[in-house]
Protein backbone atom coordinates (compact mmCIF):
# COMPACT_ATOMS: atom_id res chain seq x y z
CA UNK A 1 51.36 63.07 85.66
CA UNK A 2 53.64 62.67 82.65
CA UNK A 3 57.29 63.33 83.20
CA UNK A 4 58.62 66.48 81.56
CA UNK A 5 62.33 66.14 80.72
CA UNK A 6 64.31 68.98 82.21
CA UNK A 7 67.64 68.01 80.69
CA UNK A 8 68.62 66.93 77.21
CA UNK A 9 71.66 67.06 75.00
CA UNK A 10 71.51 70.50 73.42
CA UNK A 11 74.06 71.56 70.85
CA UNK A 12 74.85 75.09 69.69
CA UNK A 13 72.31 74.80 66.91
CA UNK A 14 69.55 74.72 69.48
CA UNK A 15 68.48 71.27 68.34
CA UNK A 16 67.80 68.53 70.86
CA UNK A 17 69.48 65.39 69.61
CA UNK A 18 69.89 61.93 71.12
CA UNK A 19 73.44 61.13 72.15
CA UNK A 20 75.29 58.86 69.74
CA UNK A 21 76.53 55.60 71.22
CA UNK A 22 79.80 54.00 70.17
CA UNK A 23 78.16 51.57 67.75
CA UNK A 24 76.63 54.48 65.85
CA UNK A 25 79.85 56.50 65.73
CA UNK A 26 81.02 55.23 62.34
CA UNK A 27 82.88 57.52 59.97
CA UNK A 28 79.86 58.27 57.79
CA UNK A 29 77.39 58.65 60.66
CA UNK A 30 79.65 61.33 62.11
CA UNK A 31 79.08 63.45 59.00
CA UNK A 32 75.46 62.64 58.16
CA UNK A 33 73.78 65.58 59.90
CA UNK A 34 76.40 68.24 59.14
CA UNK A 35 75.81 71.00 56.64
CA UNK A 36 78.21 71.68 53.77
CA UNK A 37 80.50 74.04 55.72
CA UNK A 38 80.51 71.87 58.83
CA UNK A 39 81.30 68.80 56.73
CA UNK A 40 84.21 70.56 55.01
CA UNK A 41 85.64 71.54 58.37
CA UNK A 42 85.12 68.06 59.81
CA UNK A 43 86.81 66.28 56.91
CA UNK A 44 89.80 68.61 56.50
CA UNK A 45 92.00 66.74 58.94
CA UNK A 46 95.52 67.88 58.13
CA UNK A 47 97.33 71.16 57.79
CA UNK A 48 96.31 74.50 59.31
CA UNK A 49 92.54 74.99 59.39
CA UNK A 50 90.70 78.14 60.45
CA UNK A 51 86.97 77.84 61.13
CA UNK A 52 85.22 81.20 61.35
CA UNK A 53 82.08 80.21 63.20
CA UNK A 54 79.33 82.73 63.91
CA UNK A 55 77.03 82.51 66.90
CA UNK A 56 74.74 79.48 66.82
CA UNK A 57 76.41 77.87 63.81
CA UNK A 58 77.34 74.61 65.57
CA UNK A 59 81.05 75.12 66.18
CA UNK A 60 81.41 72.65 69.06
CA UNK A 61 79.43 70.04 67.15
CA UNK A 62 81.74 70.61 64.18
CA UNK A 63 85.06 70.35 66.00
CA UNK A 64 84.04 67.33 68.11
CA UNK A 65 82.86 65.56 64.95
CA UNK A 66 86.12 66.55 63.25
CA UNK A 67 88.15 64.99 66.06
CA UNK A 68 85.99 61.86 66.16
CA UNK A 69 86.09 61.55 62.35
CA UNK A 70 89.88 61.81 62.39
CA UNK A 71 90.06 59.02 64.95
CA UNK A 72 87.52 56.78 63.22
CA UNK A 73 89.36 57.05 59.90
CA UNK A 74 92.75 56.40 61.48
CA UNK A 75 94.12 59.86 60.72
CA UNK A 76 94.46 60.66 64.45
CA UNK A 77 95.58 58.65 67.41
CA UNK A 78 93.32 59.85 70.26
CA UNK A 79 96.16 60.18 72.76
CA UNK A 80 98.02 62.57 70.45
CA UNK A 81 95.18 65.09 70.13
CA UNK A 82 94.97 68.11 72.44
CA UNK A 83 91.71 70.06 72.34
CA UNK A 84 91.96 73.41 74.12
CA UNK A 85 89.13 75.54 75.50
CA UNK A 86 88.91 78.55 77.81
CA UNK A 87 86.66 77.37 80.64
CA UNK A 88 86.44 74.19 82.66
CA UNK A 89 82.74 74.06 81.77
CA UNK A 90 83.48 74.08 78.04
CA UNK A 91 86.21 71.47 78.47
CA UNK A 92 83.79 69.28 80.40
CA UNK A 93 81.14 69.56 77.71
CA UNK A 94 83.69 68.70 75.03
CA UNK A 95 84.85 65.64 76.96
CA UNK A 96 81.28 64.43 77.34
CA UNK A 97 80.57 64.87 73.63
CA UNK A 98 83.78 63.14 72.59
CA UNK A 99 83.04 60.27 74.94
CA UNK A 100 79.68 59.73 73.25
CA UNK A 101 81.41 59.86 69.86
CA UNK A 102 83.76 57.03 70.84
CA UNK A 103 86.65 59.50 71.17
CA UNK A 104 86.98 59.55 74.95
CA UNK A 105 90.75 59.12 74.84
CA UNK A 106 91.25 62.68 73.60
CA UNK A 107 92.54 65.21 76.10
CA UNK A 108 90.23 68.22 76.28
CA UNK A 109 91.40 70.88 78.69
CA UNK A 110 91.81 74.57 79.32
CA UNK A 111 95.16 76.15 78.53
CA UNK A 112 95.84 76.42 82.26
CA UNK A 113 94.94 72.81 83.04
CA UNK A 114 97.16 71.50 80.25
CA UNK A 115 100.03 73.78 81.30
CA UNK A 116 99.72 72.88 84.98
CA UNK A 117 99.88 69.18 84.14
CA UNK A 118 103.10 69.73 82.20
CA UNK A 119 104.59 72.02 84.85
CA UNK A 120 103.88 69.48 87.61
CA UNK A 121 105.35 66.68 85.51
CA UNK A 122 108.62 68.37 84.51
CA UNK A 123 109.37 70.52 87.58
CA UNK A 124 110.89 67.75 89.79
CA UNK A 125 113.45 66.75 87.14
CA UNK A 126 114.16 70.17 85.63
CA UNK A 127 114.11 72.36 88.77
CA UNK A 128 113.98 69.89 91.66
CA UNK A 129 111.39 69.22 94.33
CA UNK A 130 107.66 69.68 93.95
CA UNK A 131 106.21 72.42 91.78
CA UNK A 132 105.09 75.56 93.68
CA UNK A 133 101.56 75.60 95.05
CA UNK A 134 98.99 77.53 93.02
CA UNK A 135 97.18 80.17 95.11
CA UNK A 136 93.42 80.33 95.16
CA UNK A 137 93.38 84.10 94.60
CA UNK A 138 95.38 87.29 94.90
CA UNK A 139 93.38 89.14 97.57
CA UNK A 140 95.29 88.05 100.67
CA UNK A 141 98.76 88.77 99.31
CA UNK A 142 97.66 92.07 97.77
CA UNK A 143 96.18 93.18 101.09
CA UNK A 144 99.47 92.39 102.76
CA UNK A 145 101.41 94.15 99.98
CA UNK A 146 99.31 97.30 100.41
CA UNK A 147 99.94 97.25 104.17
CA UNK A 148 103.69 96.82 103.67
CA UNK A 149 103.73 99.75 101.23
CA UNK A 150 101.54 101.91 103.52
CA UNK A 151 99.01 102.27 100.69
CA UNK A 152 95.37 102.58 101.76
CA UNK A 153 93.03 100.80 99.36
CA UNK A 154 89.50 99.44 99.52
CA UNK A 155 88.39 96.01 98.30
CA UNK A 156 87.16 97.18 94.86
CA UNK A 157 90.50 98.88 94.19
CA UNK A 158 92.37 95.74 95.24
CA UNK A 159 90.28 93.75 92.77
CA UNK A 160 91.22 96.23 90.07
CA UNK A 161 94.89 95.90 90.97
CA UNK A 162 94.55 92.12 90.75
CA UNK A 163 93.04 92.52 87.29
CA UNK A 164 95.90 94.82 86.33
CA UNK A 165 98.44 92.20 87.40
CA UNK A 166 96.62 89.55 85.40
CA UNK A 167 96.57 91.77 82.31
CA UNK A 168 100.32 92.43 82.61
CA UNK A 169 101.14 88.75 82.86
CA UNK A 170 98.93 87.42 80.06
CA UNK A 171 100.25 90.25 77.89
CA UNK A 172 103.68 88.74 78.60
CA UNK A 173 105.10 91.98 80.02
CA UNK A 174 107.81 92.14 82.65
CA UNK A 175 107.53 94.68 85.45
CA UNK A 176 110.06 96.84 83.63
CA UNK A 177 108.19 96.69 80.32
CA UNK A 178 104.89 97.36 82.07
CA UNK A 179 106.36 100.41 83.82
CA UNK A 180 107.17 101.95 80.44
CA UNK A 181 103.56 101.84 79.25
CA UNK A 182 102.02 105.30 79.14
CA UNK A 183 98.56 104.49 77.80
CA UNK A 184 97.56 102.07 80.57
CA UNK A 185 94.56 103.51 82.50
CA UNK A 186 94.91 104.36 86.18
CA UNK A 187 93.59 102.07 88.88
CA UNK A 188 91.11 103.87 91.11
CA UNK A 189 92.71 106.83 92.86
CA UNK A 190 96.16 105.19 92.96
CA UNK A 191 99.11 106.88 91.34
CA UNK A 192 101.15 105.03 88.76
CA UNK A 193 104.00 104.72 91.26
CA UNK A 194 101.68 103.17 93.85
CA UNK A 195 100.37 100.63 91.36
CA UNK A 196 103.90 99.65 90.41
CA UNK A 197 104.83 99.32 94.08
CA UNK A 198 101.90 96.97 94.65
CA UNK A 199 102.87 94.88 91.61
CA UNK A 200 106.46 94.55 92.82
CA UNK A 201 105.62 93.83 96.47
CA UNK A 202 103.01 91.27 95.45
CA UNK A 203 105.62 89.42 93.36
CA UNK A 204 108.15 89.57 96.24
CA UNK A 205 105.68 88.14 98.75
CA UNK A 206 104.69 85.43 96.31
CA UNK A 207 108.30 84.40 95.80
CA UNK A 208 108.97 84.42 99.54
CA UNK A 209 106.01 82.07 100.15
CA UNK A 210 106.99 79.88 97.19
CA UNK A 211 103.55 80.09 95.68
CA UNK A 212 102.39 81.00 92.20
CA UNK A 213 99.21 82.51 90.81
CA UNK A 214 96.97 81.43 87.96
CA UNK A 215 98.91 83.34 85.31
CA UNK A 216 102.27 82.08 86.59
CA UNK A 217 101.22 78.59 85.54
CA UNK A 218 101.38 79.68 81.89
CA UNK A 219 104.47 81.84 82.39
CA UNK A 220 106.48 79.13 84.11
CA UNK A 221 105.43 76.41 81.70
CA UNK A 222 106.33 78.62 78.75
CA UNK A 223 109.72 79.43 80.28
CA UNK A 224 110.44 75.82 81.19
CA UNK A 225 109.66 74.48 77.73
CA UNK A 226 111.53 77.30 75.98
CA UNK A 227 114.70 76.56 77.96
CA UNK A 228 114.56 72.77 78.31
CA UNK A 229 114.85 71.10 74.93
CA UNK A 230 114.22 67.60 76.28
CA UNK A 231 110.96 68.66 77.95
CA UNK A 232 109.81 70.46 74.83
CA UNK A 233 110.58 67.44 72.64
CA UNK A 234 108.67 65.24 75.06
CA UNK A 235 105.56 67.44 74.78
CA UNK A 236 105.82 67.65 71.00
CA UNK A 237 106.08 63.89 70.80
CA UNK A 238 103.05 63.55 73.07
CA UNK A 239 100.78 65.92 71.11
CA UNK A 240 100.62 65.95 67.34
CA UNK A 241 97.22 67.51 66.55
CA UNK A 242 95.86 70.67 68.14
CA UNK A 243 92.35 72.11 68.19
CA UNK A 244 91.74 75.50 69.82
CA UNK A 245 88.18 76.65 70.48
CA UNK A 246 87.29 80.34 71.04
CA UNK A 247 90.52 81.37 69.33
CA UNK A 248 89.45 85.02 69.40
CA UNK A 249 90.06 84.95 73.15
CA UNK A 250 93.71 83.89 72.99
CA UNK A 251 96.14 86.12 74.92
CA UNK A 252 99.75 86.78 73.86
CA UNK A 253 100.97 84.46 76.62
CA UNK A 254 98.67 81.62 75.56
CA UNK A 255 99.67 82.17 71.94
CA UNK A 256 103.36 81.88 72.88
CA UNK A 257 102.74 78.63 74.73
CA UNK A 258 100.69 77.22 71.85
CA UNK A 259 103.48 78.15 69.43
CA UNK A 260 105.96 76.20 71.58
CA UNK A 261 103.71 73.16 71.63
CA UNK A 262 103.19 73.32 67.88
CA UNK A 263 106.75 74.08 66.74
CA UNK A 264 107.14 74.11 62.97
CA UNK A 265 104.31 71.64 62.47
CA UNK A 266 101.08 72.61 60.74
CA UNK A 267 98.36 70.43 62.27
CA UNK A 268 96.49 73.20 64.03
CA UNK A 269 92.74 73.82 63.81
CA UNK A 270 91.38 77.03 65.31
CA UNK A 271 87.77 78.07 65.74
CA UNK A 272 86.51 81.53 66.56
CA UNK A 273 84.38 84.57 65.90
CA UNK A 274 85.89 88.07 66.12
CA UNK A 275 82.45 89.47 66.99
CA UNK A 276 82.52 87.52 70.26
CA UNK A 277 85.80 88.94 71.56
CA UNK A 278 84.61 90.24 74.94
CA UNK A 279 87.64 89.62 77.15
CA UNK A 280 90.07 92.24 75.83
CA UNK A 281 90.28 93.67 79.36
CA UNK A 282 91.95 90.40 80.42
CA UNK A 283 94.48 90.50 77.57
CA UNK A 284 92.52 88.51 74.97
CA UNK A 285 92.89 89.63 71.38
CA UNK A 286 91.25 88.61 68.12
CA UNK A 287 94.31 89.52 66.06
CA UNK A 288 95.59 85.93 66.03
CA UNK A 289 92.28 84.77 64.55
CA UNK A 290 92.10 87.60 62.02
CA UNK A 291 95.75 87.14 61.00
CA UNK A 292 95.66 83.35 60.82
CA UNK A 293 95.57 83.20 57.02
CA UNK A 294 98.55 85.56 56.83
CA UNK A 295 100.61 83.46 59.24
CA UNK A 296 99.53 80.24 57.48
CA UNK A 297 98.96 81.17 53.80
CA UNK A 298 98.22 77.53 52.99
CA UNK A 299 95.45 77.33 55.62
CA UNK A 300 92.01 76.01 54.77
CA UNK A 301 89.47 78.70 55.68
CA UNK A 302 85.91 77.61 56.44
CA UNK A 303 83.03 79.99 57.22
CA UNK A 304 80.07 78.80 59.25
CA UNK A 305 77.35 81.44 58.88
CA UNK A 306 74.10 79.45 59.05
CA UNK A 307 72.63 80.13 62.45
CA UNK A 308 70.61 77.17 63.72
CA UNK A 309 69.91 78.65 67.12
CA UNK A 310 67.95 81.85 66.63
CA UNK A 311 64.96 82.86 64.56
CA UNK A 312 65.33 85.29 61.66
CA UNK A 313 64.13 88.38 63.61
CA UNK A 314 66.80 87.80 66.27
CA UNK A 315 69.48 87.11 63.66
CA UNK A 316 68.60 90.37 61.92
CA UNK A 317 69.21 92.24 65.17
CA UNK A 318 72.57 90.48 65.58
CA UNK A 319 73.65 91.33 62.03
CA UNK A 320 72.60 94.96 62.49
CA UNK A 321 74.65 95.26 65.68
CA UNK A 322 77.91 94.10 64.03
CA UNK A 323 77.41 95.23 60.43
CA UNK A 324 80.67 96.38 58.76
CA UNK A 325 82.74 95.64 61.86
CA UNK A 326 86.20 94.04 61.42
CA UNK A 327 85.91 90.28 61.08
CA UNK A 328 82.11 90.27 61.43
CA UNK A 329 80.29 87.36 59.82
CA UNK A 330 76.85 87.76 58.22
CA UNK A 331 74.51 85.19 59.72
CA UNK A 332 71.65 83.52 57.90
CA UNK A 333 68.84 82.13 60.04
CA UNK A 334 67.89 78.51 59.47
CA UNK A 335 64.55 79.16 61.21
CA UNK A 336 62.69 81.92 59.40
CA UNK A 337 59.54 82.34 61.48
CA UNK A 338 59.57 83.87 64.93
CA UNK A 339 58.22 86.75 66.99
CA UNK A 340 59.85 90.13 66.71
CA UNK A 341 62.13 91.12 69.59
CA UNK A 342 60.42 93.33 72.16
CA UNK A 343 61.67 96.67 73.46
CA UNK A 344 60.45 97.84 76.87
CA UNK A 345 61.09 101.09 78.76
CA UNK A 346 60.55 101.42 82.53
CA UNK A 347 60.65 104.42 84.86
CA UNK A 348 63.30 102.92 87.18
CA UNK A 349 65.29 99.76 87.95
CA UNK A 350 62.73 98.43 90.41
CA UNK A 351 59.93 98.76 87.90
CA UNK A 352 62.08 97.06 85.28
CA UNK A 353 62.80 94.11 87.58
CA UNK A 354 59.11 93.72 88.50
CA UNK A 355 58.04 94.03 84.85
CA UNK A 356 60.52 91.39 83.73
CA UNK A 357 59.50 89.06 86.58
CA UNK A 358 55.82 89.43 85.65
CA UNK A 359 56.53 88.60 82.00
CA UNK A 360 58.57 85.57 83.00
CA UNK A 361 55.79 84.32 85.28
CA UNK A 362 53.36 84.64 82.37
CA UNK A 363 55.71 82.72 80.09
CA UNK A 364 56.04 79.88 82.58
CA UNK A 365 52.27 79.77 83.08
CA UNK A 366 51.89 79.53 79.31
CA UNK A 367 54.11 76.44 79.23
CA UNK A 368 57.71 77.63 78.79
CA UNK A 369 59.97 75.65 81.15
CA UNK A 370 61.81 77.91 83.59
CA UNK A 371 65.15 76.40 82.54
CA UNK A 372 64.60 77.79 79.03
CA UNK A 373 64.52 81.40 80.28
CA UNK A 374 67.42 83.67 81.19
CA UNK A 375 67.84 87.24 82.37
CA UNK A 376 71.15 88.77 81.31
CA UNK A 377 72.79 91.93 82.60
CA UNK A 378 76.11 93.74 82.25
CA UNK A 379 77.27 93.83 85.90
CA UNK A 380 76.57 91.40 88.73
CA UNK A 381 75.17 94.07 91.05
CA UNK A 382 72.09 94.26 88.79
CA UNK A 383 70.94 90.82 89.94
CA UNK A 384 69.74 91.87 93.43
CA UNK A 385 66.56 93.65 92.27
CA UNK A 386 65.83 90.83 89.82
CA UNK A 387 66.21 88.16 92.52
CA UNK A 388 63.77 89.99 94.77
CA UNK A 389 61.25 90.51 91.98
CA UNK A 390 61.37 86.86 90.87
CA UNK A 391 60.99 85.67 94.47
CA UNK A 392 57.99 87.94 94.95
CA UNK A 393 56.49 86.51 91.75
CA UNK A 394 57.05 82.92 92.93
CA UNK A 395 59.51 82.12 90.17
CA UNK A 396 62.41 79.75 90.87
CA UNK A 397 65.79 81.05 89.72
CA UNK A 398 69.47 80.27 89.90
CA UNK A 399 72.31 82.79 89.75
CA UNK A 400 75.12 81.73 87.42
CA UNK A 401 78.36 81.36 89.32
CA UNK A 402 76.62 80.20 92.50
CA UNK A 403 77.01 76.80 94.16
CA UNK A 404 77.92 74.15 91.59
CA UNK A 405 75.44 71.34 91.03
CA UNK A 406 77.78 68.57 92.20
CA UNK A 407 78.72 70.61 95.28
CA UNK A 408 75.12 70.78 96.50
CA UNK A 409 74.68 68.71 99.71
CA UNK A 410 71.57 66.97 98.38
CA UNK A 411 73.36 65.96 95.18
CA UNK A 412 76.31 64.56 97.13
CA UNK A 413 73.85 62.64 99.30
CA UNK A 414 72.03 61.25 96.27
CA UNK A 415 75.21 60.18 94.48
CA UNK A 416 76.44 58.32 97.56
CA UNK A 417 73.09 56.52 97.76
CA UNK A 418 73.21 55.69 94.04
CA UNK A 419 76.72 54.24 94.38
CA UNK A 420 75.52 52.09 97.24
CA UNK A 421 72.56 50.86 95.24
CA UNK A 422 74.79 50.09 92.24
CA UNK A 423 76.67 47.48 94.28
CA UNK A 424 73.62 45.20 94.24
CA UNK A 425 72.34 45.26 90.66
CA UNK A 426 68.64 44.38 90.57
CA UNK A 427 68.07 44.42 86.83
CA UNK A 428 65.46 47.17 87.13
CA UNK A 429 65.36 49.79 84.35
CA UNK A 430 67.70 52.71 85.05
CA UNK A 431 64.91 55.25 85.44
CA UNK A 432 63.18 53.12 88.08
CA UNK A 433 66.42 52.45 89.96
CA UNK A 434 67.36 56.13 90.14
CA UNK A 435 63.78 57.19 90.92
CA UNK A 436 63.57 54.73 93.80
CA UNK A 437 66.80 55.99 95.32
CA UNK A 438 65.98 59.71 95.16
CA UNK A 439 62.38 59.05 96.24
CA UNK A 440 63.80 57.54 99.42
CA UNK A 441 65.57 60.85 99.97
CA UNK A 442 62.37 62.88 99.68
CA UNK A 443 61.87 63.40 95.94
CA UNK A 444 58.33 63.30 94.57
CA UNK A 445 57.26 63.12 90.94
CA UNK A 446 55.20 66.30 91.20
CA UNK A 447 57.14 69.51 91.95
CA UNK A 448 56.35 71.29 95.23
CA UNK A 449 54.55 74.61 95.20
CA UNK A 450 57.16 76.09 97.54
CA UNK A 451 60.09 78.15 96.32
CA UNK A 452 63.51 78.68 97.82
CA UNK A 453 65.42 75.83 99.48
CA UNK A 454 62.58 73.29 99.26
CA UNK A 455 62.15 73.81 95.54
CA UNK A 456 65.94 73.86 94.97
CA UNK A 457 66.28 70.48 96.71
CA UNK A 458 63.52 68.99 94.55
CA UNK A 459 65.08 70.39 91.38
CA UNK A 460 68.47 68.88 92.26
CA UNK A 461 66.99 65.42 92.76
CA UNK A 462 64.80 65.78 89.69
CA UNK A 463 67.83 66.67 87.55
CA UNK A 464 69.34 63.28 88.42
CA UNK A 465 66.08 61.51 87.56
CA UNK A 466 65.90 63.21 84.18
CA UNK A 467 69.53 62.40 83.42
CA UNK A 468 68.61 58.78 84.00
CA UNK A 469 65.50 59.12 81.82
CA UNK A 470 67.54 60.51 78.91
CA UNK A 471 70.46 58.07 79.20
CA UNK A 472 71.26 55.75 76.29
CA UNK A 473 69.26 52.48 76.20
CA UNK A 474 70.95 49.69 78.13
CA UNK A 475 72.74 52.02 80.57
CA UNK A 476 73.11 50.27 83.93
CA UNK A 477 73.05 51.93 87.33
CA UNK A 478 76.79 51.27 87.61
CA UNK A 479 77.33 52.95 84.21
CA UNK A 480 75.17 55.87 85.32
CA UNK A 481 77.12 56.50 88.52
CA UNK A 482 80.38 56.33 86.53
CA UNK A 483 78.97 58.90 84.11
CA UNK A 484 78.05 61.15 87.05
CA UNK A 485 81.59 60.89 88.37
CA UNK A 486 83.02 61.81 84.96
CA UNK A 487 80.63 64.76 84.74
CA UNK A 488 81.64 65.88 88.22
CA UNK A 489 85.35 65.67 87.42
CA UNK A 490 84.92 67.56 84.14
CA UNK A 491 82.42 70.07 85.62
CA UNK A 492 79.81 69.21 83.00
CA UNK A 493 76.74 69.94 85.06
CA UNK A 494 73.07 69.40 84.26
CA UNK A 495 70.56 72.22 84.03
CA UNK A 496 68.07 72.80 86.83
CA UNK A 497 64.49 73.80 86.07
CA UNK A 498 64.92 77.40 87.13
CA UNK A 499 65.28 80.76 85.44
CA UNK A 500 68.94 81.68 85.00
CA UNK A 501 70.28 85.05 86.12
CA UNK A 502 73.68 85.77 84.62
CA UNK A 503 76.08 88.45 83.59
CA UNK A 504 76.53 88.58 79.83
CA UNK A 505 80.13 87.44 80.20
CA UNK A 506 78.99 84.46 82.25
CA UNK A 507 76.41 83.56 79.59
CA UNK A 508 78.92 83.28 76.74
CA UNK A 509 78.66 79.89 75.10
CA UNK A 510 75.15 79.24 76.47
CA UNK A 511 71.67 79.63 75.03
CA UNK A 512 68.02 79.79 76.09
CA UNK A 513 64.70 79.88 74.27
CA UNK A 514 63.74 83.16 75.90
CA UNK A 515 66.23 85.85 76.92
CA UNK A 516 65.54 89.09 78.78
CA UNK A 517 68.35 91.57 78.27
CA UNK A 518 68.00 94.25 80.96
CA UNK A 519 69.70 97.52 81.86
CA UNK A 520 70.26 98.76 78.32
CA UNK A 521 71.08 102.34 79.24
CA UNK A 522 74.18 104.48 78.89
CA UNK A 523 76.49 103.79 81.84
CA UNK A 524 75.44 100.15 82.00
CA UNK A 525 75.83 99.03 78.38
CA UNK A 526 78.19 100.53 77.44
CA UNK A 527 79.30 100.36 81.02
CA UNK A 528 81.14 103.70 80.98
CA UNK A 529 79.85 107.11 79.96
CA UNK A 530 83.33 108.18 78.86
CA UNK A 531 84.31 105.00 77.06
CA UNK A 532 87.10 105.11 74.49
CA UNK A 533 86.38 103.93 70.93
CA UNK A 534 88.03 100.58 71.70
CA UNK A 535 85.92 100.20 74.84
CA UNK A 536 82.75 101.01 72.93
CA UNK A 537 83.65 98.38 70.34
CA UNK A 538 84.15 95.86 73.13
CA UNK A 539 80.77 96.76 74.65
CA UNK A 540 79.17 96.37 71.22
CA UNK A 541 80.51 92.83 71.07
CA UNK A 542 79.17 92.22 74.59
CA UNK A 543 75.75 93.34 73.36
CA UNK A 544 76.06 91.05 70.32
CA UNK A 545 76.89 88.06 72.53
CA UNK A 546 73.83 88.80 74.69
CA UNK A 547 71.47 89.05 71.71
CA UNK A 548 72.69 85.79 70.21
CA UNK A 549 71.97 83.78 73.37
CA UNK A 550 68.24 83.80 72.50
CA UNK A 551 66.73 81.18 70.23
CA UNK A 552 63.02 82.13 70.05
CA UNK A 553 62.18 85.17 72.17
CA UNK A 554 64.27 88.25 72.89
CA UNK A 555 63.11 91.06 75.16
CA UNK A 556 65.32 94.13 75.65
CA UNK A 557 64.62 96.76 78.30
CA UNK A 558 66.02 99.81 80.01
CA UNK A 559 65.13 102.09 82.91
CA UNK A 560 65.10 105.87 82.64
CA UNK A 561 66.38 106.34 86.21
CA UNK A 562 68.16 104.45 88.98
CA UNK A 563 65.22 104.78 91.37
CA UNK A 564 62.20 106.93 92.01
CA UNK A 565 64.52 109.77 93.07
CA UNK A 566 67.53 108.71 90.99
CA UNK A 567 69.29 110.63 88.27
CA UNK A 568 67.99 110.40 84.72
CA UNK A 569 69.38 107.92 82.22
CA UNK A 570 69.30 107.63 78.45
CA UNK A 571 68.84 104.40 76.58
CA UNK A 572 71.90 102.64 75.27
CA UNK A 573 73.33 103.91 72.00
CA UNK A 574 73.06 100.34 70.72
CA UNK A 575 69.29 100.40 71.18
CA UNK A 576 69.13 103.80 69.53
CA UNK A 577 70.93 102.42 66.48
CA UNK A 578 68.48 99.55 66.15
CA UNK A 579 65.53 101.96 66.30
CA UNK A 580 66.88 104.38 63.73
CA UNK A 581 68.64 101.91 61.49
CA UNK A 582 71.75 104.11 61.65
CA UNK A 583 75.23 102.66 61.34
CA UNK A 584 78.07 103.84 63.55
C-alpha cells in the first residue's frame, strides 16, 4: 500500500511547498516565489512598514522571508531582531520557518514570553531576589476571594470575573480608573460593588502570596522598564528591529510595552487585518493598525489582497460579509474555479450534527483526508453533539485545545526510543529508521479499522513516520530527534489524520480544504440576541474568520430549534444577508 503523507509544510496560501534548506536560502531565492506585494514588503527592510494582509494572502510567508532576506543581505543581525506573535503555536511555526530559511538565530516569541524573559532577567538586580511566580490560573484565588467577601458565585460567574480582571489589566486601568467606568457591562448577577470587591480582594491575596498572573507579566515589565533607565537601554541595545504579527489584536498594555522597546526608533514592521479583530472582549483593538500611517506618516504601506487559500466562490462570500466595513480589504481569489458554498437547514441540533457527520463520512470515503476537514462552531459546548455523531459515523476526530501532540504518552514513548536509536547510527535512510522504531512500538503501515484510543495511537505514531518521510534529503536520525525537540519546545505540532473540531476563535490562523460552519442561528452567531452594535460587528468578524478558513469546500448550516421539543430559532442575520444580497 502506498504511503499517503499526512503532514506537509503548508503556508497561508494553501500551497504545499518543500522546505528550503540553508544552501537554497540565498537572497534571490527568498524572493523568487513572492508576488509583487509580498516582494515589496519583503524588501522594504528599514523604517516603519505596515502590511495590511487579508486572509489567505501569505502574511507569515511574507514576514519570515522579509526577516530572512534582511539577514542574508546583511541589513539585520539575527540576534537583534524580535518577532512577536500572539500564541505559542504561531511563535513555534515562525521559529520553524525561520530555521529552514537559515534565520534560526532570530527570537520569535509571544509578547508575554518576551516580557517574562526580561522580567526574570532584571528583577534580581532591580528589585532583589527572584521574580514572583506566575500562577497557572485565577480560579483558586478568586474562589478564596469570593469566600472572604461572603459573595456566592458559581463557576461560570467566576470565569467571567476572571475575564473582567484580564480586560482591566490589558486595558492598562488601575482599580480606581476601572471603578469610574460606567459603560462596563455587569458580570452575571453580581452588583458593581461586588465585582469591585472581588477585584480588590483578588489583588490583595495575590500580593500576600507573592505571585503574579499572566497580565501582571506585561504590567510589571512595562513598569520596570519605564522606571529603570539602565534596563531599558539594555533592552533597546539588544533589539533593533521589530516585527509584530496580528497587529490588529494588540491591547493598550502590549502597545505601551512595544513603544518602550522601540523608543524613538523607526524599524518597526506590523502585519494585520482589521477584519480579523475577534478578541476585543480581551482588550484587543484594531485602532493601532488603522492609525499606523497617522502615527508614522513616513511609513511604507503594503496591501496584500490576493487570496491564495480559497476559491473564488468562498472569497466572494468573505468579501460580501465585510463589504464597506472599516479597514476591510477586498480579496481577489487566485484560484477561480471551485464549488459554490452549501447552505443547509436542519430541524434541531442533533439532526444538524448527524447530517454534518454523514457528509464528512462521504467526503472521506470519496478520498478527502480527514485532516483536511474541520467543523467550526461559536461556543465549545456545541462540540458534544458533533463528537457523538462523528463517533457513531466511525469518523476519527480531534478537539482543538485537547491533549497536545508532544504530551501524548505514545509520542513521548516513541521519542525516547528514537533518541536511543540515534545513539547508534546505522546509515539507514531516515524513513526506514523511524519506521523501524515505531513499528517496534506497535505501528503498522495500514491504519486500523478501529476508532477511539486505538486509532489515536496509530495516528500519533504515523505522524512521526510522515514527518520523517517529508524531512529534507540527508537528514539523519540524530538531526530528526533534534528537530522534534525544537518542535516540542516551540509547540509546533504536526497534524494528525483526524477531523478537527474547533471553536472559531481556536481556528484563527489555521486552514482546511473543507470546512463545516455549524450553528448559524441567532443566539449562537451572533452569540447574543441583544447584542450591541459593537458586539454585532465583532461577531461579523468572527463569521468572516470562520468563512476564510476554507480553501475548497465551505458548508454552512443552522438548526431551527435546540431539540425536538426546544424553542424555535431563526437563522443568523449574517446568513440572511448573504441570501438577500443586502448590506447592513
